[in-house]
Amino acid sequence: MSDSGMNYLNGLMDEWMELELRKAGAERKAQREAQLLSEALEMTSGISTQRPTVEHLVVAMRWCVSQNQTDWQDAPF
């Protein structure tokens, strides 16, 4: 195979690897946000005595926005 053909294949592999890394990062972020949302719900229901962190509050606010919760008092947090 010529050098240009190898360079093309290497470029494709680099793009594929970058895409896979971004996909894995997005999946980890989604899992982390789901965990934080679950913990925030436990904190507000009295199951957990842990105090919320800024991360918990940010995820809870994002959830409220995604649910079109405009009145924060109606949110489960």
Protein backbone atom coordinates (compact mmCIF):
# COMPACT_ATOMS: atom_id res chain seq x y z
CA MET A 1 0.00 0.00 0.00
CA SER A 2 1.27 3.46 -0.80
CA ASP A 3 2.20 6.05 1.81
CA SER A 4 -0.81 8.17 0.90
CA GLY A 5 -3.09 5.14 1.36
CA MET A 6 -1.57 4.43 4.76
CA ASN A 7 -1.89 8.07 5.76
CA TYR A 8 -5.56 8.01 4.75
CA LEU A 9 -6.22 4.85 6.78
CA ASN A 10 -4.34 6.26 9.77
CA GLY A 11 -6.46 9.42 9.54
CA LEU A 12 -9.64 7.34 9.50
CA MET A 13 -8.48 5.37 12.53
CA ASP A 14 -7.63 8.58 14.38
CA GLU A 15 -11.11 9.99 13.65
CA TRP A 16 -12.77 6.76 14.74
CA MET A 17 -10.80 6.64 17.99
CA GLU A 18 -11.63 10.28 18.73
CA LEU A 19 -15.32 9.59 18.14
CA GLU A 20 -15.24 6.54 20.42
CA LEU A 21 -13.52 8.56 23.18
CA ARG A 22 -16.13 11.32 22.93
CA LYS A 23 -18.92 8.72 23.03
CA ALA A 24 -17.44 7.06 26.12
CA GLY A 25 -17.05 10.45 27.81
CA ALA A 26 -20.68 11.35 27.10
CA GLU A 27 -21.84 8.01 28.51
CA ARG A 28 -19.81 8.53 31.71
CA LYS A 29 -21.21 12.05 32.05
CA ALA A 30 -24.78 10.78 31.65
CA GLN A 31 -24.18 8.06 34.26
CA ARG A 32 -22.71 10.60 36.68
CA GLU A 33 -25.64 12.98 36.19
CA ALA A 34 -28.12 10.14 36.76
CA GLN A 35 -26.31 9.23 39.99
CA LEU A 36 -26.31 12.84 41.18
CA LEU A 37 -30.01 13.25 40.34
CA SER A 38 -30.84 10.08 42.28
CA GLU A 39 -28.82 11.31 45.27
CA ALA A 40 -30.53 14.71 45.13
CA LEU A 41 -33.95 13.03 45.20
CA GLU A 42 -32.88 10.93 48.19
CA MET A 43 -31.70 14.05 50.01
CA THR A 44 -35.00 15.84 49.53
CA SER A 45 -37.08 12.83 50.52
CA GLY A 46 -35.21 12.46 53.80
CA ILE A 47 -33.64 9.11 52.89
CA SER A 48 -30.18 10.65 52.89
CA THR A 49 -28.79 13.08 55.44
CA GLN A 50 -25.97 14.10 53.11
CA ARG A 51 -25.92 17.77 52.15
CA PRO A 52 -26.18 18.57 48.43
CA THR A 53 -23.09 19.73 46.59
CA VAL A 54 -23.03 22.31 43.82
CA GLU A 55 -22.96 19.39 41.37
CA HIS A 56 -26.21 18.05 42.84
CA LEU A 57 -27.85 21.44 42.53
CA VAL A 58 -26.70 21.98 38.95
CA VAL A 59 -27.98 18.55 37.87
CA ALA A 60 -31.27 19.16 39.67
CA MET A 61 -31.68 22.52 37.94
CA ARG A 62 -30.92 20.94 34.54
CA TRP A 63 -33.52 18.28 35.24
CA CYS A 64 -36.11 20.91 36.14
CA VAL A 65 -35.41 22.79 32.92
CA SER A 66 -35.66 19.57 30.88
CA GLN A 67 -39.08 18.93 32.46
CA ASN A 68 -40.22 22.51 31.74
CA GLN A 69 -40.47 23.19 35.47
CA THR A 70 -40.71 26.96 35.59
CA ASP A 71 -41.96 27.10 39.17
CA TRP A 72 -39.08 25.78 41.26
CA GLN A 73 -41.42 25.10 44.17
CA ASP A 74 -43.18 22.41 42.11
CA ALA A 75 -39.92 20.56 41.52
CA PRO A 76 -39.21 17.44 43.60
CA PHE A 77 -36.11 19.02 45.12
